[in-house]
Amino acid sequence: MAAPNELRLLPWTGPGGKPCYLSTDDRGGYLSRLADSIEAIQLGFAAELLEQVPDTLDDSDVEPDEVHSLARDLTDTLRDVLRVAISRGHLLAVGPPQEL
């Protein structure tokens, strides 16, 4: 079992939006790999979304609803990316990075 300061912040939330943590000594275990996969998907989605931003903002015919939707998606994605950054920062503080 990991020490309390070695809990991994998972890339999803629990009921009520509360953070979920994983306590394990096995950074290659099933839940750790699942979290790694979900983080990769979240980061990939963020990269794709960023590619859309210039086209949307440069389009003079874009509808306000489209800009609002883009802002909502960017907010959700930024929240996910921040959670990944915090989680990975904590993992680096605990030990050397492992290959995925």
PDB file of N, CA and C in Angstrom:
ATOM      1  N   MET A   1       0.844  -1.182   0.000  1.00  0.00           N
ATOM      2  CA  MET A   1       0.000   0.000   0.000  1.00  0.00           C
ATOM      3  C   MET A   1       0.886   1.240   0.000  1.00  0.00           C
ATOM      4  N   ALA A   2       0.501   2.229  -0.772  1.00  0.00           N
ATOM      5  CA  ALA A   2       1.271   3.462  -0.879  1.00  0.00           C
ATOM      6  C   ALA A   2       1.045   4.341   0.348  1.00  0.00           C
ATOM      7  N   ALA A   3       2.041   5.154   0.646  1.00  0.00           N
ATOM      8  CA  ALA A   3       1.906   6.128   1.726  1.00  0.00           C
ATOM      9  C   ALA A   3       0.904   7.198   1.301  1.00  0.00           C
ATOM     10  N   PRO A   4       0.260   7.886   2.253  1.00  0.00           N
ATOM     11  CA  PRO A   4      -0.745   8.888   1.885  1.00  0.00           C
ATOM     12  C   PRO A   4      -0.241   9.939   0.904  1.00  0.00           C
ATOM     13  N   ASN A   5       1.038  10.307   0.982  1.00  0.00           N
ATOM     14  CA  ASN A   5       1.550  11.322   0.063  1.00  0.00           C
ATOM     15  C   ASN A   5       1.885  10.731  -1.308  1.00  0.00           C
ATOM     16  N   GLU A   6       1.667   9.421  -1.473  1.00  0.00           N
ATOM     17  CA  GLU A   6       1.955   8.766  -2.740  1.00  0.00           C
ATOM     18  C   GLU A   6       0.684   8.367  -3.482  1.00  0.00           C
ATOM     19  N   LEU A   7      -0.448   8.888  -3.076  1.00  0.00           N
ATOM     20  CA  LEU A   7      -1.690   8.587  -3.768  1.00  0.00           C
ATOM     21  C   LEU A   7      -1.674   9.220  -5.148  1.00  0.00           C
ATOM     22  N   ARG A   8      -2.180   8.506  -6.115  1.00  0.00           N
ATOM     23  CA  ARG A   8      -2.232   9.031  -7.478  1.00  0.00           C
ATOM     24  C   ARG A   8      -3.602   9.638  -7.729  1.00  0.00           C
ATOM     25  N   LEU A   9      -3.615  10.888  -8.146  1.00  0.00           N
ATOM     26  CA  LEU A   9      -4.842  11.546  -8.553  1.00  0.00           C
ATOM     27  C   LEU A   9      -5.255  10.955  -9.899  1.00  0.00           C
ATOM     28  N   LEU A  10      -6.452  10.396  -9.953  1.00  0.00           N
ATOM     29  CA  LEU A  10      -6.920   9.753 -11.180  1.00  0.00           C
ATOM     30  C   LEU A  10      -7.565  10.772 -12.110  1.00  0.00           C
ATOM     31  N   PRO A  11      -7.590  10.481 -13.411  1.00  0.00           N
ATOM     32  CA  PRO A  11      -8.096  11.450 -14.386  1.00  0.00           C
ATOM     33  C   PRO A  11      -9.616  11.484 -14.507  1.00  0.00           C
ATOM     34  N   TRP A  12     -10.315  10.987 -13.516  1.00  0.00           N
ATOM     35  CA  TRP A  12     -11.771  11.069 -13.494  1.00  0.00           C
ATOM     36  C   TRP A  12     -12.183  11.458 -12.092  1.00  0.00           C
ATOM     37  N   THR A  13     -13.436  11.862 -11.965  1.00  0.00           N
ATOM     38  CA  THR A  13     -13.940  12.267 -10.663  1.00  0.00           C
ATOM     39  C   THR A  13     -15.007  11.285 -10.201  1.00  0.00           C
ATOM     40  N   GLY A  14     -15.276  11.341  -8.930  1.00  0.00           N
ATOM     41  CA  GLY A  14     -16.304  10.496  -8.338  1.00  0.00           C
ATOM     42  C   GLY A  14     -17.606  11.263  -8.212  1.00  0.00           C
ATOM     43  N   PRO A  15     -18.520  10.723  -7.416  1.00  0.00           N
ATOM     44  CA  PRO A  15     -19.802  11.395  -7.208  1.00  0.00           C
ATOM     45  C   PRO A  15     -19.605  12.827  -6.707  1.00  0.00           C
ATOM     46  N   GLY A  16     -20.385  13.718  -7.248  1.00  0.00           N
ATOM     47  CA  GLY A  16     -20.295  15.111  -6.843  1.00  0.00           C
ATOM     48  C   GLY A  16     -19.062  15.825  -7.333  1.00  0.00           C
ATOM     49  N   GLY A  17     -18.335  15.215  -8.298  1.00  0.00           N
ATOM     50  CA  GLY A  17     -17.139  15.843  -8.839  1.00  0.00           C
ATOM     51  C   GLY A  17     -15.932  15.766  -7.920  1.00  0.00           C
ATOM     52  N   LYS A  18     -16.015  14.922  -6.898  1.00  0.00           N
ATOM     53  CA  LYS A  18     -14.888  14.791  -5.958  1.00  0.00           C
ATOM     54  C   LYS A  18     -13.748  14.024  -6.607  1.00  0.00           C
ATOM     55  N   PRO A  19     -12.503  14.387  -6.271  1.00  0.00           N
ATOM     56  CA  PRO A  19     -11.355  13.701  -6.868  1.00  0.00           C
ATOM     57  C   PRO A  19     -11.290  12.239  -6.439  1.00  0.00           C
ATOM     58  N   CYS A  20     -10.748  11.416  -7.326  1.00  0.00           N
ATOM     59  CA  CYS A  20     -10.513  10.000  -7.032  1.00  0.00           C
ATOM     60  C   CYS A  20      -9.007   9.771  -6.977  1.00  0.00           C
ATOM     61  N   TYR A  21      -8.600   8.933  -6.058  1.00  0.00           N
ATOM     62  CA  TYR A  21      -7.187   8.635  -5.877  1.00  0.00           C
ATOM     63  C   TYR A  21      -6.973   7.131  -5.921  1.00  0.00           C
ATOM     64  N   LEU A  22      -5.778   6.743  -6.321  1.00  0.00           N
ATOM     65  CA  LEU A  22      -5.378   5.343  -6.352  1.00  0.00           C
ATOM     66  C   LEU A  22      -4.210   5.154  -5.400  1.00  0.00           C
ATOM     67  N   SER A  23      -4.331   4.163  -4.540  1.00  0.00           N
ATOM     68  CA  SER A  23      -3.255   3.813  -3.623  1.00  0.00           C
ATOM     69  C   SER A  23      -2.725   2.446  -4.039  1.00  0.00           C
ATOM     70  N   THR A  24      -1.509   2.430  -4.583  1.00  0.00           N
ATOM     71  CA  THR A  24      -0.910   1.173  -5.010  1.00  0.00           C
ATOM     72  C   THR A  24       0.600   1.327  -5.102  1.00  0.00           C
ATOM     73  N   ASP A  25       1.280   0.227  -4.929  1.00  0.00           N
ATOM     74  CA  ASP A  25       2.726   0.201  -5.150  1.00  0.00           C
ATOM     75  C   ASP A  25       3.054  -0.180  -6.582  1.00  0.00           C
ATOM     76  N   ASP A  26       2.057  -0.629  -7.323  1.00  0.00           N
ATOM     77  CA  ASP A  26       2.256  -1.146  -8.680  1.00  0.00           C
ATOM     78  C   ASP A  26       1.824  -0.102  -9.711  1.00  0.00           C
ATOM     79  N   ARG A  27       2.796   0.700 -10.163  1.00  0.00           N
ATOM     80  CA  ARG A  27       2.480   1.735 -11.157  1.00  0.00           C
ATOM     81  C   ARG A  27       2.197   1.138 -12.526  1.00  0.00           C
ATOM     82  N   GLY A  28       2.361  -0.178 -12.671  1.00  0.00           N
ATOM     83  CA  GLY A  28       2.042  -0.848 -13.923  1.00  0.00           C
ATOM     84  C   GLY A  28       0.793  -1.700 -13.819  1.00  0.00           C
ATOM     85  N   GLY A  29       0.041  -1.556 -12.719  1.00  0.00           N
ATOM     86  CA  GLY A  29      -1.174  -2.335 -12.511  1.00  0.00           C
ATOM     87  C   GLY A  29      -2.301  -1.881 -13.423  1.00  0.00           C
ATOM     88  N   TYR A  30      -3.390  -2.643 -13.384  1.00  0.00           N
ATOM     89  CA  TYR A  30      -4.519  -2.389 -14.282  1.00  0.00           C
ATOM     90  C   TYR A  30      -5.051  -0.962 -14.158  1.00  0.00           C
ATOM     91  N   LEU A  31      -5.364  -0.506 -12.935  1.00  0.00           N
ATOM     92  CA  LEU A  31      -5.924   0.839 -12.772  1.00  0.00           C
ATOM     93  C   LEU A  31      -4.923   1.924 -13.145  1.00  0.00           C
ATOM     94  N   SER A  32      -3.652   1.695 -12.868  1.00  0.00           N
ATOM     95  CA  SER A  32      -2.634   2.673 -13.273  1.00  0.00           C
ATOM     96  C   SER A  32      -2.565   2.781 -14.792  1.00  0.00           C
ATOM     97  N   ARG A  33      -2.596   1.641 -15.468  1.00  0.00           N
ATOM     98  CA  ARG A  33      -2.562   1.660 -16.938  1.00  0.00           C
ATOM     99  C   ARG A  33      -3.827   2.267 -17.509  1.00  0.00           C
ATOM    100  N   LEU A  34      -4.976   1.976 -16.897  1.00  0.00           N
ATOM    101  CA  LEU A  34      -6.227   2.582 -17.343  1.00  0.00           C
ATOM    102  C   LEU A  34      -6.160   4.098 -17.199  1.00  0.00           C
ATOM    103  N   ALA A  35      -5.659   4.566 -16.061  1.00  0.00           N
ATOM    104  CA  ALA A  35      -5.517   6.007 -15.844  1.00  0.00           C
ATOM    105  C   ALA A  35      -4.565   6.614 -16.877  1.00  0.00           C
ATOM    106  N   ASP A  36      -3.451   5.928 -17.161  1.00  0.00           N
ATOM    107  CA  ASP A  36      -2.511   6.412 -18.179  1.00  0.00           C
ATOM    108  C   ASP A  36      -3.193   6.535 -19.538  1.00  0.00           C
ATOM    109  N   SER A  37      -4.006   5.543 -19.892  1.00  0.00           N
ATOM    110  CA  SER A  37      -4.708   5.556 -21.177  1.00  0.00           C
ATOM    111  C   SER A  37      -5.708   6.703 -21.250  1.00  0.00           C
ATOM    112  N   ILE A  38      -6.456   6.896 -20.187  1.00  0.00           N
ATOM    113  CA  ILE A  38      -7.442   7.978 -20.170  1.00  0.00           C
ATOM    114  C   ILE A  38      -6.749   9.330 -20.225  1.00  0.00           C
ATOM    115  N   GLU A  39      -5.638   9.475 -19.517  1.00  0.00           N
ATOM    116  CA  GLU A  39      -4.873  10.726 -19.588  1.00  0.00           C
ATOM    117  C   GLU A  39      -4.409  10.987 -21.014  1.00  0.00           C
ATOM    118  N   ALA A  40      -3.934   9.956 -21.700  1.00  0.00           N
ATOM    119  CA  ALA A  40      -3.476  10.122 -23.086  1.00  0.00           C
ATOM    120  C   ALA A  40      -4.632  10.561 -23.985  1.00  0.00           C
ATOM    121  N   ILE A  41      -5.800   9.995 -23.775  1.00  0.00           N
ATOM    122  CA  ILE A  41      -6.983  10.381 -24.558  1.00  0.00           C
ATOM    123  C   ILE A  41      -7.346  11.838 -24.269  1.00  0.00           C
ATOM    124  N   GLN A  42      -7.325  12.219 -22.993  1.00  0.00           N
ATOM    125  CA  GLN A  42      -7.657  13.592 -22.629  1.00  0.00           C
ATOM    126  C   GLN A  42      -6.672  14.583 -23.238  1.00  0.00           C
ATOM    127  N   LEU A  43      -5.395  14.270 -23.205  1.00  0.00           N
ATOM    128  CA  LEU A  43      -4.387  15.161 -23.785  1.00  0.00           C
ATOM    129  C   LEU A  43      -4.524  15.227 -25.301  1.00  0.00           C
ATOM    130  N   GLY A  44      -4.839  14.101 -25.922  1.00  0.00           N
ATOM    131  CA  GLY A  44      -5.058  14.089 -27.368  1.00  0.00           C
ATOM    132  C   GLY A  44      -6.255  14.934 -27.758  1.00  0.00           C
ATOM    133  N   PHE A  45      -7.337  14.838 -26.987  1.00  0.00           N
ATOM    134  CA  PHE A  45      -8.520  15.648 -27.256  1.00  0.00           C
ATOM    135  C   PHE A  45      -8.197  17.127 -27.106  1.00  0.00           C
ATOM    136  N   ALA A  46      -7.402  17.472 -26.099  1.00  0.00           N
ATOM    137  CA  ALA A  46      -7.007  18.872 -25.900  1.00  0.00           C
ATOM    138  C   ALA A  46      -6.237  19.388 -27.112  1.00  0.00           C
ATOM    139  N   ALA A  47      -5.327  18.582 -27.640  1.00  0.00           N
ATOM    140  CA  ALA A  47      -4.545  18.994 -28.815  1.00  0.00           C
ATOM    141  C   ALA A  47      -5.460  19.201 -30.025  1.00  0.00           C
ATOM    142  N   GLU A  48      -6.410  18.297 -30.222  1.00  0.00           N
ATOM    143  CA  GLU A  48      -7.349  18.433 -31.341  1.00  0.00           C
ATOM    144  C   GLU A  48      -8.213  19.683 -31.189  1.00  0.00           C
ATOM    145  N   LEU A  49      -8.663  19.922 -29.981  1.00  0.00           N
ATOM    146  CA  LEU A  49      -9.508  21.089 -29.731  1.00  0.00           C
ATOM    147  C   LEU A  49      -8.745  22.383 -29.985  1.00  0.00           C
ATOM    148  N   LEU A  50      -7.490  22.424 -29.568  1.00  0.00           N
ATOM    149  CA  LEU A  50      -6.675  23.619 -29.801  1.00  0.00           C
ATOM    150  C   LEU A  50      -6.495  23.913 -31.291  1.00  0.00           C
ATOM    151  N   GLU A  51      -6.446  22.858 -32.090  1.00  0.00           N
ATOM    152  CA  GLU A  51      -6.321  23.065 -33.536  1.00  0.00           C
ATOM    153  C   GLU A  51      -7.567  23.727 -34.118  1.00  0.00           C
ATOM    154  N   GLN A  52      -8.715  23.520 -33.499  1.00  0.00           N
ATOM    155  CA  GLN A  52      -9.977  24.089 -33.986  1.00  0.00           C
ATOM    156  C   GLN A  52     -10.148  25.558 -33.612  1.00  0.00           C
ATOM    157  N   VAL A  53      -9.499  25.993 -32.553  1.00  0.00           N
ATOM    158  CA  VAL A  53      -9.726  27.329 -32.017  1.00  0.00           C
ATOM    159  C   VAL A  53      -9.456  28.435 -33.036  1.00  0.00           C
ATOM    160  N   PRO A  54      -8.291  28.462 -33.704  1.00  0.00           N
ATOM    161  CA  PRO A  54      -8.046  29.570 -34.638  1.00  0.00           C
ATOM    162  C   PRO A  54      -9.086  29.660 -35.749  1.00  0.00           C
ATOM    163  N   ASP A  55      -9.477  28.522 -36.303  1.00  0.00           N
ATOM    164  CA  ASP A  55     -10.481  28.541 -37.374  1.00  0.00           C
ATOM    165  C   ASP A  55     -11.807  29.104 -36.882  1.00  0.00           C
ATOM    166  N   THR A  56     -12.192  28.699 -35.688  1.00  0.00           N
ATOM    167  CA  THR A  56     -13.470  29.177 -35.143  1.00  0.00           C
ATOM    168  C   THR A  56     -13.406  30.671 -34.843  1.00  0.00           C
ATOM    169  N   LEU A  57     -12.339  31.105 -34.208  1.00  0.00           N
ATOM    170  CA  LEU A  57     -12.251  32.517 -33.827  1.00  0.00           C
ATOM    171  C   LEU A  57     -12.006  33.442 -35.014  1.00  0.00           C
ATOM    172  N   ASP A  58     -11.374  32.924 -36.070  1.00  0.00           N
ATOM    173  CA  ASP A  58     -11.108  33.747 -37.251  1.00  0.00           C
ATOM    174  C   ASP A  58     -12.289  33.811 -38.211  1.00  0.00           C
ATOM    175  N   ASP A  59     -13.283  32.970 -37.991  1.00  0.00           N
ATOM    176  CA  ASP A  59     -14.464  32.917 -38.866  1.00  0.00           C
ATOM    177  C   ASP A  59     -15.425  34.036 -38.473  1.00  0.00           C
ATOM    178  N   SER A  60     -15.598  35.017 -39.362  1.00  0.00           N
ATOM    179  CA  SER A  60     -16.474  36.149 -39.052  1.00  0.00           C
ATOM    180  C   SER A  60     -17.948  35.747 -39.063  1.00  0.00           C
ATOM    181  N   ASP A  61     -18.265  34.593 -39.629  1.00  0.00           N
ATOM    182  CA  ASP A  61     -19.651  34.131 -39.689  1.00  0.00           C
ATOM    183  C   ASP A  61     -20.003  33.156 -38.554  1.00  0.00           C
ATOM    184  N   VAL A  62     -19.087  32.950 -37.634  1.00  0.00           N
ATOM    185  CA  VAL A  62     -19.336  31.988 -36.558  1.00  0.00           C
ATOM    186  C   VAL A  62     -20.475  32.490 -35.669  1.00  0.00           C
ATOM    187  N   GLU A  63     -21.330  31.576 -35.297  1.00  0.00           N
ATOM    188  CA  GLU A  63     -22.474  31.893 -34.445  1.00  0.00           C
ATOM    189  C   GLU A  63     -22.031  31.989 -32.978  1.00  0.00           C
ATOM    190  N   PRO A  64     -22.666  32.863 -32.208  1.00  0.00           N
ATOM    191  CA  PRO A  64     -22.324  32.965 -30.782  1.00  0.00           C
ATOM    192  C   PRO A  64     -22.444  31.630 -30.046  1.00  0.00           C
ATOM    193  N   ASP A  65     -23.415  30.813 -30.433  1.00  0.00           N
ATOM    194  CA  ASP A  65     -23.567  29.499 -29.786  1.00  0.00           C
ATOM    195  C   ASP A  65     -22.349  28.618 -30.021  1.00  0.00           C
ATOM    196  N   GLU A  66     -21.737  28.740 -31.200  1.00  0.00           N
ATOM    197  CA  GLU A  66     -20.546  27.951 -31.504  1.00  0.00           C
ATOM    198  C   GLU A  66     -19.363  28.394 -30.634  1.00  0.00           C
ATOM    199  N   VAL A  67     -19.230  29.704 -30.456  1.00  0.00           N
ATOM    200  CA  VAL A  67     -18.153  30.228 -29.611  1.00  0.00           C
ATOM    201  C   VAL A  67     -18.395  29.807 -28.162  1.00  0.00           C
ATOM    202  N   HIS A  68     -19.633  29.854 -27.731  1.00  0.00           N
ATOM    203  CA  HIS A  68     -19.980  29.435 -26.371  1.00  0.00           C
ATOM    204  C   HIS A  68     -19.659  27.952 -26.177  1.00  0.00           C
ATOM    205  N   SER A  69     -20.011  27.131 -27.145  1.00  0.00           N
ATOM    206  CA  SER A  69     -19.719  25.697 -27.083  1.00  0.00           C
ATOM    207  C   SER A  69     -18.210  25.447 -27.040  1.00  0.00           C
ATOM    208  N   LEU A  70     -17.468  26.182 -27.851  1.00  0.00           N
ATOM    209  CA  LEU A  70     -16.010  26.054 -27.860  1.00  0.00           C
ATOM    210  C   LEU A  70     -15.429  26.433 -26.499  1.00  0.00           C
ATOM    211  N   ALA A  71     -15.927  27.523 -25.925  1.00  0.00           N
ATOM    212  CA  ALA A  71     -15.446  27.951 -24.601  1.00  0.00           C
ATOM    213  C   ALA A  71     -15.752  26.892 -23.545  1.00  0.00           C
ATOM    214  N   ARG A  72     -16.924  26.289 -23.610  1.00  0.00           N
ATOM    215  CA  ARG A  72     -17.287  25.236 -22.653  1.00  0.00           C
ATOM    216  C   ARG A  72     -16.374  24.022 -22.819  1.00  0.00           C
ATOM    217  N   ASP A  73     -16.127  23.618 -24.084  1.00  0.00           N
ATOM    218  CA  ASP A  73     -15.232  22.484 -24.346  1.00  0.00           C
ATOM    219  C   ASP A  73     -13.813  22.781 -23.885  1.00  0.00           C
ATOM    220  N   LEU A  74     -13.345  23.998 -24.128  1.00  0.00           N
ATOM    221  CA  LEU A  74     -11.999  24.380 -23.685  1.00  0.00           C
ATOM    222  C   LEU A  74     -11.892  24.371 -22.163  1.00  0.00           C
ATOM    223  N   THR A  75     -12.941  24.820 -21.485  1.00  0.00           N
ATOM    224  CA  THR A  75     -12.947  24.818 -20.021  1.00  0.00           C
ATOM    225  C   THR A  75     -12.880  23.394 -19.481  1.00  0.00           C
ATOM    226  N   ASP A  76     -13.708  22.502 -20.032  1.00  0.00           N
ATOM    227  CA  ASP A  76     -13.696  21.104 -19.600  1.00  0.00           C
ATOM    228  C   ASP A  76     -12.342  20.457 -19.864  1.00  0.00           C
ATOM    229  N   THR A  77     -11.789  20.738 -21.030  1.00  0.00           N
ATOM    230  CA  THR A  77     -10.511  20.150 -21.409  1.00  0.00           C
ATOM    231  C   THR A  77      -9.381  20.702 -20.553  1.00  0.00           C
ATOM    232  N   LEU A  78      -9.410  21.986 -20.268  1.00  0.00           N
ATOM    233  CA  LEU A  78      -8.391  22.583 -19.406  1.00  0.00           C
ATOM    234  C   LEU A  78      -8.439  21.955 -18.013  1.00  0.00           C
ATOM    235  N   ARG A  79      -9.636  21.697 -17.509  1.00  0.00           N
ATOM    236  CA  ARG A  79      -9.785  21.045 -16.206  1.00  0.00           C
ATOM    237  C   ARG A  79      -9.137  19.659 -16.234  1.00  0.00           C
ATOM    238  N   ASP A  80      -9.384  18.904 -17.316  1.00  0.00           N
ATOM    239  CA  ASP A  80      -8.780  17.569 -17.456  1.00  0.00           C
ATOM    240  C   ASP A  80      -7.261  17.643 -17.537  1.00  0.00           C
ATOM    241  N   VAL A  81      -6.748  18.571 -18.343  1.00  0.00           N
ATOM    242  CA  VAL A  81      -5.301  18.701 -18.525  1.00  0.00           C
ATOM    243  C   VAL A  81      -4.638  19.135 -17.217  1.00  0.00           C
ATOM    244  N   LEU A  82      -5.284  20.016 -16.474  1.00  0.00           N
ATOM    245  CA  LEU A  82      -4.745  20.434 -15.180  1.00  0.00           C
ATOM    246  C   LEU A  82      -4.680  19.241 -14.222  1.00  0.00           C
ATOM    247  N   ARG A  83      -5.729  18.405 -14.226  1.00  0.00           N
ATOM    248  CA  ARG A  83      -5.724  17.222 -13.364  1.00  0.00           C
ATOM    249  C   ARG A  83      -4.588  16.287 -13.750  1.00  0.00           C
ATOM    250  N   VAL A  84      -4.351  16.107 -15.056  1.00  0.00           N
ATOM    251  CA  VAL A  84      -3.248  15.264 -15.527  1.00  0.00           C
ATOM    252  C   VAL A  84      -1.914  15.848 -15.069  1.00  0.00           C
ATOM    253  N   ALA A  85      -1.746  17.155 -15.211  1.00  0.00           N
ATOM    254  CA  ALA A  85      -0.486  17.797 -14.815  1.00  0.00           C
ATOM    255  C   ALA A  85      -0.234  17.643 -13.315  1.00  0.00           C
ATOM    256  N   ILE A  86      -1.260  17.832 -12.517  1.00  0.00           N
ATOM    257  CA  ILE A  86      -1.109  17.669 -11.069  1.00  0.00           C
ATOM    258  C   ILE A  86      -0.750  16.232 -10.741  1.00  0.00           C
ATOM    259  N   SER A  87      -1.456  15.296 -11.343  1.00  0.00           N
ATOM    260  CA  SER A  87      -1.197  13.877 -11.085  1.00  0.00           C
ATOM    261  C   SER A  87       0.217  13.493 -11.474  1.00  0.00           C
ATOM    262  N   ARG A  88       0.646  13.902 -12.657  1.00  0.00           N
ATOM    263  CA  ARG A  88       1.991  13.546 -13.117  1.00  0.00           C
ATOM    264  C   ARG A  88       3.065  14.254 -12.304  1.00  0.00           C
ATOM    265  N   GLY A  89       2.786  15.459 -11.863  1.00  0.00           N
ATOM    266  CA  GLY A  89       3.732  16.157 -10.998  1.00  0.00           C
ATOM    267  C   GLY A  89       3.922  15.429  -9.682  1.00  0.00           C
ATOM    268  N   HIS A  90       2.830  14.931  -9.122  1.00  0.00           N
ATOM    269  CA  HIS A  90       2.920  14.152  -7.882  1.00  0.00           C
ATOM    270  C   HIS A  90       3.671  12.852  -8.118  1.00  0.00           C
ATOM    271  N   LEU A  91       3.433  12.197  -9.251  1.00  0.00           N
ATOM    272  CA  LEU A  91       4.133  10.953  -9.555  1.00  0.00           C
ATOM    273  C   LEU A  91       5.631  11.190  -9.683  1.00  0.00           C
ATOM    274  N   LEU A  92       6.015  12.299 -10.302  1.00  0.00           N
ATOM    275  CA  LEU A  92       7.443  12.607 -10.450  1.00  0.00           C
ATOM    276  C   LEU A  92       8.086  12.877  -9.091  1.00  0.00           C
ATOM    277  N   ALA A  93       7.340  13.484  -8.203  1.00  0.00           N
ATOM    278  CA  ALA A  93       7.869  13.778  -6.874  1.00  0.00           C
ATOM    279  C   ALA A  93       8.085  12.521  -6.051  1.00  0.00           C
ATOM    280  N   VAL A  94       7.322  11.470  -6.342  1.00  0.00           N
ATOM    281  CA  VAL A  94       7.408  10.230  -5.584  1.00  0.00           C
ATOM    282  C   VAL A  94       8.497   9.311  -6.094  1.00  0.00           C
ATOM    283  N   GLY A  95       8.724   9.312  -7.390  1.00  0.00           N
ATOM    284  CA  GLY A  95       9.733   8.403  -7.943  1.00  0.00           C
ATOM    285  C   GLY A  95      10.011   8.706  -9.393  1.00  0.00           C
ATOM    286  N   PRO A  96      10.960   7.992  -9.978  1.00  0.00           N
ATOM    287  CA  PRO A  96      11.314   8.227 -11.372  1.00  0.00           C
ATOM    288  C   PRO A  96      10.167   7.853 -12.297  1.00  0.00           C
ATOM    289  N   PRO A  97      10.033   8.565 -13.424  1.00  0.00           N
ATOM    290  CA  PRO A  97       8.953   8.235 -14.359  1.00  0.00           C
ATOM    291  C   PRO A  97       9.161   6.848 -14.962  1.00  0.00           C
ATOM    292  N   GLN A  98       8.055   6.157 -15.173  1.00  0.00           N
ATOM    293  CA  GLN A  98       8.108   4.854 -15.797  1.00  0.00           C
ATOM    294  C   GLN A  98       7.687   4.983 -17.243  1.00  0.00           C
ATOM    295  N   GLU A  99       8.200   4.107 -18.083  1.00  0.00           N
ATOM    296  CA  GLU A  99       7.816   4.109 -19.484  1.00  0.00           C
ATOM    297  C   GLU A  99       6.393   3.617 -19.617  1.00  0.00           C
ATOM    298  N   LEU A 100       5.650   4.217 -20.518  1.00  0.00           N
ATOM    299  CA  LEU A 100       4.249   3.807 -20.741  1.00  0.00           C
ATOM    300  C   LEU A 100       4.192   2.674 -21.721  1.00  0.00           C
TER     301      LEU A 100
END
